Amino acid sequence: MEVLMQNFELVEKEKIEAMRFPPVEVLENEMLKNERLQNLNRALSLGNLEHSKIKIYFEDEQGHKIVETTVWGVTDKRIILKQGVVIPIHRVHAVQI
């Protein structure tokens, strides 16, 4: 994982709803984008089957954040967390399972 994890601020899932997400993709490399999607789909399976929590490293307009949560759904553009909280996939740096 290329991301420098110590630069990410831990946030509560409930605070994500108030965050604003720019439309710009945070990953430039297609290989990293594919890896991100594979990890998201794996996290979805673990979330639905075992309710396992994973770490999502993402970026809002204020900076780098990390949330430890269960993934309940993945669409082509969003990650769906518990209580309908969403994170745009294009703002995710990495998913740690």
C-alpha atoms as a PDB file:
ATOM      1  CA  MET A   1       0.000   0.000   0.000  1.00  0.00           C
ATOM      2  CA  GLU A   2       1.538   3.298  -1.115  1.00  0.00           C
ATOM      3  CA  VAL A   3      -0.467   5.430   1.275  1.00  0.00           C
ATOM      4  CA  LEU A   4       1.329   6.940   4.270  1.00  0.00           C
ATOM      5  CA  MET A   5      -1.121   5.772   6.892  1.00  0.00           C
ATOM      6  CA  GLN A   6       0.140   8.011   9.717  1.00  0.00           C
ATOM      7  CA  ASN A   7      -1.140  11.083   7.851  1.00  0.00           C
ATOM      8  CA  PHE A   8      -4.773   9.967   8.142  1.00  0.00           C
ATOM      9  CA  GLU A   9      -7.083  11.267  10.886  1.00  0.00           C
ATOM     10  CA  LEU A  10      -9.345   8.679  12.532  1.00  0.00           C
ATOM     11  CA  VAL A  11     -13.016   9.726  12.279  1.00  0.00           C
ATOM     12  CA  GLU A  12     -16.300   8.290  13.476  1.00  0.00           C
ATOM     13  CA  LYS A  13     -18.605   6.897  10.798  1.00  0.00           C
ATOM     14  CA  GLU A  14     -21.377   9.269  11.898  1.00  0.00           C
ATOM     15  CA  LYS A  15     -19.259  12.314  10.972  1.00  0.00           C
ATOM     16  CA  ILE A  16     -18.920  11.241   7.338  1.00  0.00           C
ATOM     17  CA  GLU A  17     -22.422  12.481   6.455  1.00  0.00           C
ATOM     18  CA  ALA A  18     -21.333  16.086   7.092  1.00  0.00           C
ATOM     19  CA  MET A  19     -18.188  15.796   4.938  1.00  0.00           C
ATOM     20  CA  ARG A  20     -17.893  17.221   1.446  1.00  0.00           C
ATOM     21  CA  PHE A  21     -16.168  15.248  -1.303  1.00  0.00           C
ATOM     22  CA  PRO A  22     -14.608  16.896  -4.361  1.00  0.00           C
ATOM     23  CA  PRO A  23     -15.271  15.204  -7.744  1.00  0.00           C
ATOM     24  CA  VAL A  24     -11.568  14.499  -8.393  1.00  0.00           C
ATOM     25  CA  GLU A  25     -10.230  10.907  -8.330  1.00  0.00           C
ATOM     26  CA  VAL A  26      -7.529  10.439  -5.655  1.00  0.00           C
ATOM     27  CA  LEU A  27      -5.757   7.522  -7.388  1.00  0.00           C
ATOM     28  CA  GLU A  28      -3.892   8.005 -10.659  1.00  0.00           C
ATOM     29  CA  ASN A  29      -2.738   4.442 -11.241  1.00  0.00           C
ATOM     30  CA  GLU A  30      -5.198   1.987 -12.876  1.00  0.00           C
ATOM     31  CA  MET A  31      -3.630  -0.927 -11.003  1.00  0.00           C
ATOM     32  CA  LEU A  32      -4.351   0.780  -7.669  1.00  0.00           C
ATOM     33  CA  LYS A  33      -7.926   1.533  -8.775  1.00  0.00           C
ATOM     34  CA  ASN A  34      -8.463  -2.151  -9.623  1.00  0.00           C
ATOM     35  CA  GLU A  35      -6.945  -3.231  -6.303  1.00  0.00           C
ATOM     36  CA  ARG A  36      -9.228  -0.778  -4.484  1.00  0.00           C
ATOM     37  CA  LEU A  37     -12.308  -2.232  -6.182  1.00  0.00           C
ATOM     38  CA  GLN A  38     -11.259  -5.816  -5.427  1.00  0.00           C
ATOM     39  CA  ASN A  39     -10.695  -4.942  -1.777  1.00  0.00           C
ATOM     40  CA  LEU A  40     -14.062  -3.174  -1.586  1.00  0.00           C
ATOM     41  CA  ASN A  41     -15.862  -6.219  -2.973  1.00  0.00           C
ATOM     42  CA  ARG A  42     -14.014  -8.452  -0.510  1.00  0.00           C
ATOM     43  CA  ALA A  43     -14.901  -6.054   2.339  1.00  0.00           C
ATOM     44  CA  LEU A  44     -18.542  -6.195   1.221  1.00  0.00           C
ATOM     45  CA  SER A  45     -18.545  -9.995   1.437  1.00  0.00           C
ATOM     46  CA  LEU A  46     -16.916  -9.932   4.862  1.00  0.00           C
ATOM     47  CA  GLY A  47     -19.313  -7.257   6.063  1.00  0.00           C
ATOM     48  CA  ASN A  48     -22.424  -9.114   4.977  1.00  0.00           C
ATOM     49  CA  LEU A  49     -21.298 -12.585   6.057  1.00  0.00           C
ATOM     50  CA  GLU A  50     -19.282 -11.920   9.187  1.00  0.00           C
ATOM     51  CA  HIS A  51     -19.983  -8.251  10.021  1.00  0.00           C
ATOM     52  CA  SER A  52     -16.198  -7.739   9.943  1.00  0.00           C
ATOM     53  CA  LYS A  53     -14.875  -4.210  10.277  1.00  0.00           C
ATOM     54  CA  ILE A  54     -12.310  -2.906   7.834  1.00  0.00           C
ATOM     55  CA  LYS A  55     -10.371   0.337   7.516  1.00  0.00           C
ATOM     56  CA  ILE A  56     -11.159   2.760   4.721  1.00  0.00           C
ATOM     57  CA  TYR A  57      -8.550   5.426   3.968  1.00  0.00           C
ATOM     58  CA  PHE A  58     -10.223   8.305   2.159  1.00  0.00           C
ATOM     59  CA  GLU A  59     -10.005  12.038   1.510  1.00  0.00           C
ATOM     60  CA  ASP A  60     -12.651  14.715   1.890  1.00  0.00           C
ATOM     61  CA  GLU A  61     -12.200  18.428   1.124  1.00  0.00           C
ATOM     62  CA  GLN A  62     -10.491  18.944   4.500  1.00  0.00           C
ATOM     63  CA  GLY A  63      -7.863  16.205   4.209  1.00  0.00           C
ATOM     64  CA  HIS A  64      -7.031  12.546   4.773  1.00  0.00           C
ATOM     65  CA  LYS A  65      -9.329  10.458   6.974  1.00  0.00           C
ATOM     66  CA  ILE A  66      -9.653   6.862   8.117  1.00  0.00           C
ATOM     67  CA  VAL A  67     -12.763   5.086   9.351  1.00  0.00           C
ATOM     68  CA  GLU A  68     -13.070   1.599  10.797  1.00  0.00           C
ATOM     69  CA  THR A  69     -16.446   0.216   9.803  1.00  0.00           C
ATOM     70  CA  THR A  70     -18.480  -2.516   8.155  1.00  0.00           C
ATOM     71  CA  VAL A  71     -19.245  -2.232   4.445  1.00  0.00           C
ATOM     72  CA  TRP A  72     -22.934  -2.921   3.757  1.00  0.00           C
ATOM     73  CA  GLY A  73     -22.976  -2.192   0.036  1.00  0.00           C
ATOM     74  CA  VAL A  74     -20.866  -1.168  -2.961  1.00  0.00           C
ATOM     75  CA  THR A  75     -22.287   0.512  -6.067  1.00  0.00           C
ATOM     76  CA  ASP A  76     -20.367   1.642  -9.118  1.00  0.00           C
ATOM     77  CA  LYS A  77     -19.740   5.017  -7.426  1.00  0.00           C
ATOM     78  CA  ARG A  78     -20.251   4.650  -3.669  1.00  0.00           C
ATOM     79  CA  ILE A  79     -19.470   2.603  -0.600  1.00  0.00           C
ATOM     80  CA  ILE A  80     -22.531   2.189   1.609  1.00  0.00           C
ATOM     81  CA  LEU A  81     -21.985   1.923   5.340  1.00  0.00           C
ATOM     82  CA  LYS A  82     -24.427   1.287   8.164  1.00  0.00           C
ATOM     83  CA  GLN A  83     -27.292   3.806   8.515  1.00  0.00           C
ATOM     84  CA  GLY A  84     -26.990   4.814   4.862  1.00  0.00           C
ATOM     85  CA  VAL A  85     -23.685   6.667   5.254  1.00  0.00           C
ATOM     86  CA  VAL A  86     -21.821   6.782   1.928  1.00  0.00           C
ATOM     87  CA  ILE A  87     -18.268   7.457   0.773  1.00  0.00           C
ATOM     88  CA  PRO A  88     -17.583   8.108  -2.923  1.00  0.00           C
ATOM     89  CA  ILE A  89     -15.256   5.401  -4.271  1.00  0.00           C
ATOM     90  CA  HIS A  90     -13.208   7.964  -6.219  1.00  0.00           C
ATOM     91  CA  ARG A  91     -12.160   9.524  -2.874  1.00  0.00           C
ATOM     92  CA  VAL A  92     -10.839   6.261  -1.372  1.00  0.00           C
ATOM     93  CA  HIS A  93      -7.069   5.805  -1.230  1.00  0.00           C
ATOM     94  CA  ALA A  94      -7.059   2.284   0.194  1.00  0.00           C
ATOM     95  CA  VAL A  95      -9.101  -0.413   1.909  1.00  0.00           C
ATOM     96  CA  GLN A  96      -7.422  -2.470   4.602  1.00  0.00           C
ATOM     97  CA  ILE A  97      -9.072  -5.776   5.407  1.00  0.00           C
END
